N, C-alpha and C. Protein backbone atom coordinates (compact mmCIF):
# COMPACT_ATOMS: atom_id res chain seq x y z
N UNK A 1 9.45 -35.14 45.67
CA UNK A 1 8.01 -35.29 45.65
C UNK A 1 7.98 -36.00 44.21
N UNK A 2 8.76 -35.67 43.16
CA UNK A 2 8.74 -36.06 41.89
C UNK A 2 9.05 -37.47 41.85
N UNK A 3 9.87 -37.97 42.84
CA UNK A 3 10.33 -39.32 42.44
C UNK A 3 9.57 -40.30 43.53
N UNK A 4 8.54 -39.81 44.00
CA UNK A 4 7.77 -40.70 45.07
C UNK A 4 7.11 -41.73 44.17
N UNK A 5 6.49 -41.47 42.91
CA UNK A 5 5.78 -42.69 42.25
C UNK A 5 6.80 -43.50 41.67
N UNK A 6 7.99 -43.12 41.32
CA UNK A 6 9.04 -43.87 40.73
C UNK A 6 9.43 -44.94 41.80
N UNK A 7 9.53 -44.77 43.11
CA UNK A 7 10.06 -45.47 44.03
C UNK A 7 8.99 -46.21 44.82
N UNK A 8 7.53 -45.90 44.45
CA UNK A 8 6.52 -46.59 44.74
C UNK A 8 6.02 -46.29 46.27
N UNK A 9 6.54 -45.07 46.83
CA UNK A 9 6.03 -44.57 48.22
C UNK A 9 4.65 -44.08 48.11
N UNK A 10 4.14 -44.31 49.39
CA UNK A 10 2.66 -43.85 49.52
C UNK A 10 2.73 -42.59 50.39
N UNK A 11 3.84 -42.46 51.23
CA UNK A 11 3.96 -41.45 52.25
C UNK A 11 5.43 -40.95 52.40
N UNK A 12 5.45 -39.56 52.45
CA UNK A 12 6.85 -39.10 52.95
C UNK A 12 6.64 -38.05 53.94
N UNK A 13 7.17 -38.37 55.09
CA UNK A 13 6.92 -37.31 56.31
C UNK A 13 8.40 -36.71 56.89
N UNK A 14 8.32 -35.51 57.03
CA UNK A 14 9.45 -34.85 57.61
C UNK A 14 9.14 -34.55 59.18
N UNK A 15 9.76 -34.88 60.12
CA UNK A 15 9.57 -34.45 61.43
C UNK A 15 10.73 -33.71 61.91
N UNK A 16 10.61 -32.37 62.34
CA UNK A 16 11.78 -31.66 62.78
C UNK A 16 11.78 -31.44 64.35
N UNK A 17 12.84 -31.56 64.91
CA UNK A 17 12.97 -31.53 66.23
C UNK A 17 12.43 -30.19 66.78
N UNK A 18 11.86 -30.33 67.99
CA UNK A 18 11.19 -29.19 68.73
C UNK A 18 11.19 -29.36 70.17
N UNK A 19 10.77 -28.31 71.08
CA UNK A 19 10.85 -28.44 72.40
C UNK A 19 12.07 -28.51 72.99
N UNK A 20 13.01 -27.62 72.51
CA UNK A 20 14.61 -27.94 73.03
C UNK A 20 14.71 -28.13 74.60
N UNK A 21 13.89 -27.29 75.46
CA UNK A 21 13.96 -27.60 76.78
C UNK A 21 13.65 -28.83 77.46
N UNK A 22 12.49 -29.40 76.76
CA UNK A 22 12.14 -30.67 77.21
C UNK A 22 13.03 -31.76 76.74
N UNK A 23 13.56 -31.59 75.47
CA UNK A 23 14.62 -32.51 74.95
C UNK A 23 15.95 -32.54 76.07
N UNK A 24 16.31 -31.50 76.33
CA UNK A 24 17.47 -31.29 77.32
C UNK A 24 17.35 -32.03 78.50
N UNK A 25 16.01 -31.81 79.13
CA UNK A 25 15.52 -32.46 80.31
C UNK A 25 15.58 -34.07 80.14
N UNK A 26 15.11 -34.52 78.88
CA UNK A 26 15.10 -36.11 78.85
C UNK A 26 16.25 -36.49 78.64
N UNK A 27 17.21 -36.01 77.96
CA UNK A 27 18.63 -36.23 77.61
C UNK A 27 19.22 -36.38 79.13
N UNK A 28 19.38 -35.38 79.83
CA UNK A 28 20.09 -35.46 81.08
C UNK A 28 19.44 -36.63 81.85
N UNK A 29 18.30 -36.58 82.10
CA UNK A 29 17.64 -37.59 83.00
C UNK A 29 17.77 -38.99 82.48
N UNK A 30 18.16 -39.27 81.32
CA UNK A 30 18.53 -40.68 80.72
C UNK A 30 19.97 -40.97 80.29
N UNK A 31 20.38 -39.86 80.22
CA UNK A 31 21.99 -39.96 79.86
C UNK A 31 21.99 -40.31 78.47
N UNK A 32 21.31 -39.61 77.62
CA UNK A 32 21.23 -39.69 76.19
C UNK A 32 22.01 -38.96 75.43
N UNK A 33 22.36 -39.03 74.02
CA UNK A 33 23.01 -38.22 73.22
C UNK A 33 22.19 -37.28 72.66
N UNK A 34 22.79 -36.17 72.14
CA UNK A 34 22.15 -34.87 71.50
C UNK A 34 21.22 -35.53 70.44
N UNK A 35 19.88 -34.86 70.34
CA UNK A 35 18.86 -35.37 69.26
C UNK A 35 19.47 -34.98 67.88
N UNK A 36 18.92 -35.71 66.86
CA UNK A 36 19.12 -35.35 65.46
C UNK A 36 18.25 -33.95 65.38
N UNK A 37 18.35 -33.38 64.14
CA UNK A 37 17.71 -32.06 63.84
C UNK A 37 16.34 -32.65 63.32
N UNK A 38 16.14 -33.84 62.96
CA UNK A 38 14.86 -34.35 62.58
C UNK A 38 14.99 -35.76 62.08
N UNK A 39 13.81 -36.39 61.60
CA UNK A 39 13.62 -37.71 60.98
C UNK A 39 12.89 -37.52 59.82
N UNK A 40 13.10 -38.42 58.73
CA UNK A 40 12.33 -38.62 57.70
C UNK A 40 11.88 -39.94 57.65
N UNK A 41 10.41 -39.98 57.34
CA UNK A 41 9.82 -41.38 57.16
C UNK A 41 9.42 -41.37 55.88
N UNK A 42 9.68 -42.68 55.00
CA UNK A 42 9.13 -42.95 53.82
C UNK A 42 8.29 -44.13 53.87
N UNK A 43 7.01 -44.28 53.35
CA UNK A 43 6.03 -45.35 53.61
C UNK A 43 5.73 -46.18 52.39
N UNK A 44 5.72 -47.34 52.52
CA UNK A 44 5.14 -48.08 51.18
C UNK A 44 4.14 -48.99 51.64
N UNK A 45 3.33 -49.40 50.74
CA UNK A 45 2.18 -50.22 50.98
C UNK A 45 2.57 -51.60 51.80
N UNK A 46 3.70 -52.06 51.21
CA UNK A 46 4.11 -53.35 51.63
C UNK A 46 5.53 -53.64 50.97
N UNK A 47 6.19 -54.77 51.45
CA UNK A 47 7.58 -54.94 51.15
C UNK A 47 7.73 -55.21 49.79
N UNK A 48 6.77 -55.90 49.10
CA UNK A 48 6.81 -56.19 47.56
C UNK A 48 7.07 -54.83 46.84
N UNK A 49 6.36 -53.77 47.16
CA UNK A 49 6.49 -52.51 46.55
C UNK A 49 7.77 -51.95 46.77
N UNK A 50 8.24 -51.97 48.09
CA UNK A 50 9.55 -51.51 48.33
C UNK A 50 10.52 -52.05 47.47
N UNK A 51 10.63 -53.46 47.62
CA UNK A 51 11.63 -54.26 46.71
C UNK A 51 11.50 -53.98 45.37
N UNK A 52 10.38 -53.81 44.70
CA UNK A 52 10.25 -53.46 43.33
C UNK A 52 10.92 -52.22 43.03
N UNK A 53 10.84 -51.38 43.92
CA UNK A 53 11.50 -50.12 43.89
C UNK A 53 13.13 -50.06 43.63
N UNK A 54 13.66 -51.36 43.72
CA UNK A 54 15.02 -51.53 43.56
C UNK A 54 15.60 -51.82 42.39
N UNK A 55 14.58 -51.87 41.40
CA UNK A 55 14.67 -52.07 40.07
C UNK A 55 15.34 -51.01 39.41
N UNK A 56 15.55 -51.08 37.93
CA UNK A 56 16.37 -49.98 37.28
C UNK A 56 15.81 -48.59 37.48
N UNK A 57 14.59 -48.36 37.37
CA UNK A 57 14.05 -46.76 37.79
C UNK A 57 14.33 -46.44 39.03
N UNK A 58 14.24 -47.55 40.23
CA UNK A 58 14.37 -47.09 41.46
C UNK A 58 15.73 -46.78 41.80
N UNK A 59 16.71 -47.56 41.11
CA UNK A 59 18.23 -47.23 41.19
C UNK A 59 18.43 -46.00 40.85
N UNK A 60 18.00 -45.49 39.58
CA UNK A 60 18.21 -44.09 39.34
C UNK A 60 17.65 -43.12 39.92
N UNK A 61 16.37 -43.19 40.63
CA UNK A 61 15.91 -42.57 41.48
C UNK A 61 16.62 -42.40 42.88
N UNK A 62 17.05 -43.53 43.54
CA UNK A 62 17.91 -43.49 44.52
C UNK A 62 19.19 -42.46 44.27
N UNK A 63 19.67 -42.59 43.05
CA UNK A 63 20.92 -41.64 42.90
C UNK A 63 20.41 -40.23 42.91
N UNK A 64 19.35 -39.89 42.50
CA UNK A 64 18.98 -38.41 42.51
C UNK A 64 18.64 -38.07 43.83
N UNK A 65 17.91 -38.96 44.51
CA UNK A 65 17.52 -38.67 45.98
C UNK A 65 19.04 -38.44 46.87
N UNK A 66 20.09 -39.16 46.50
CA UNK A 66 21.18 -39.08 47.39
C UNK A 66 21.75 -37.82 47.00
N UNK A 67 21.73 -37.40 45.77
CA UNK A 67 22.33 -35.95 45.23
C UNK A 67 21.50 -35.04 45.90
N UNK A 68 20.16 -35.02 46.13
CA UNK A 68 19.39 -34.12 46.60
C UNK A 68 19.70 -34.00 48.07
N UNK A 69 19.74 -35.23 48.78
CA UNK A 69 19.85 -35.22 50.20
C UNK A 69 21.16 -34.74 50.72
N UNK A 70 22.09 -34.91 49.80
CA UNK A 70 23.46 -34.27 50.15
C UNK A 70 23.72 -32.84 50.37
N UNK A 71 22.70 -32.21 50.05
CA UNK A 71 22.54 -30.68 50.12
C UNK A 71 22.24 -30.34 51.67
N UNK A 72 21.51 -31.21 52.28
CA UNK A 72 21.02 -30.87 53.62
C UNK A 72 21.13 -31.95 54.71
N UNK A 73 21.67 -33.14 54.42
CA UNK A 73 22.01 -34.11 55.45
C UNK A 73 23.44 -34.44 55.38
N UNK A 74 23.77 -34.50 56.90
CA UNK A 74 25.09 -34.87 57.12
C UNK A 74 25.18 -36.39 57.19
N UNK A 75 25.46 -37.20 56.15
CA UNK A 75 25.50 -38.56 55.98
C UNK A 75 26.28 -39.12 57.31
N UNK A 76 27.45 -38.43 57.63
CA UNK A 76 28.26 -39.09 58.57
C UNK A 76 27.66 -39.19 59.94
N UNK A 77 26.63 -38.40 60.22
CA UNK A 77 26.05 -38.20 61.47
C UNK A 77 24.60 -38.74 61.35
N UNK A 78 24.16 -39.43 60.38
CA UNK A 78 22.93 -39.81 60.14
C UNK A 78 22.69 -41.35 60.21
N UNK A 79 21.58 -41.86 60.26
CA UNK A 79 21.14 -43.35 60.29
C UNK A 79 20.18 -43.51 59.33
N UNK A 80 20.16 -44.68 58.75
CA UNK A 80 19.01 -45.10 57.93
C UNK A 80 18.70 -46.65 58.31
N UNK A 81 17.45 -47.04 58.27
CA UNK A 81 17.10 -48.20 58.55
C UNK A 81 15.61 -48.56 58.29
N UNK A 82 15.28 -49.85 58.01
CA UNK A 82 14.05 -50.21 57.41
C UNK A 82 13.27 -50.68 58.69
N UNK A 83 12.08 -50.25 58.90
CA UNK A 83 11.00 -51.06 59.97
C UNK A 83 9.86 -51.44 59.43
N UNK A 84 9.42 -51.96 60.21
CA UNK A 84 7.77 -52.59 59.92
C UNK A 84 7.14 -52.37 61.13
N UNK A 85 5.90 -51.70 61.10
CA UNK A 85 4.93 -51.09 61.98
C UNK A 85 4.35 -52.34 62.56
N UNK A 86 4.31 -52.33 64.04
CA UNK A 86 3.55 -53.17 64.81
C UNK A 86 2.70 -52.52 65.73
N UNK A 87 1.51 -52.41 65.45
CA UNK A 87 0.53 -51.62 66.33
C UNK A 87 0.28 -52.57 67.66
N UNK A 88 0.55 -51.70 68.65
CA UNK A 88 0.50 -52.43 69.95
C UNK A 88 -0.96 -51.93 70.70
N UNK A 89 -1.48 -50.89 70.57
CA UNK A 89 -2.79 -50.64 71.14
C UNK A 89 -3.64 -50.06 69.94
């Protein structure tokens, strides 16, 4: 939380996997892989704010985030990607 202002994020959400029986049914019916334990979403108001977070302060913040995340994330089994939301309805 302390680094959110440094990286310019406006929202940080953790979603933890739930409903194991329903997940198992969905996996088997679609031939999918085992789900992750959860996902994290970090939100920025726009791309310019995100890109500005890559400056010196942001780089230092990223190093601190990686150090913290390494305590509870299996990086070898994880993914990271940037997305842009597109409202359909």
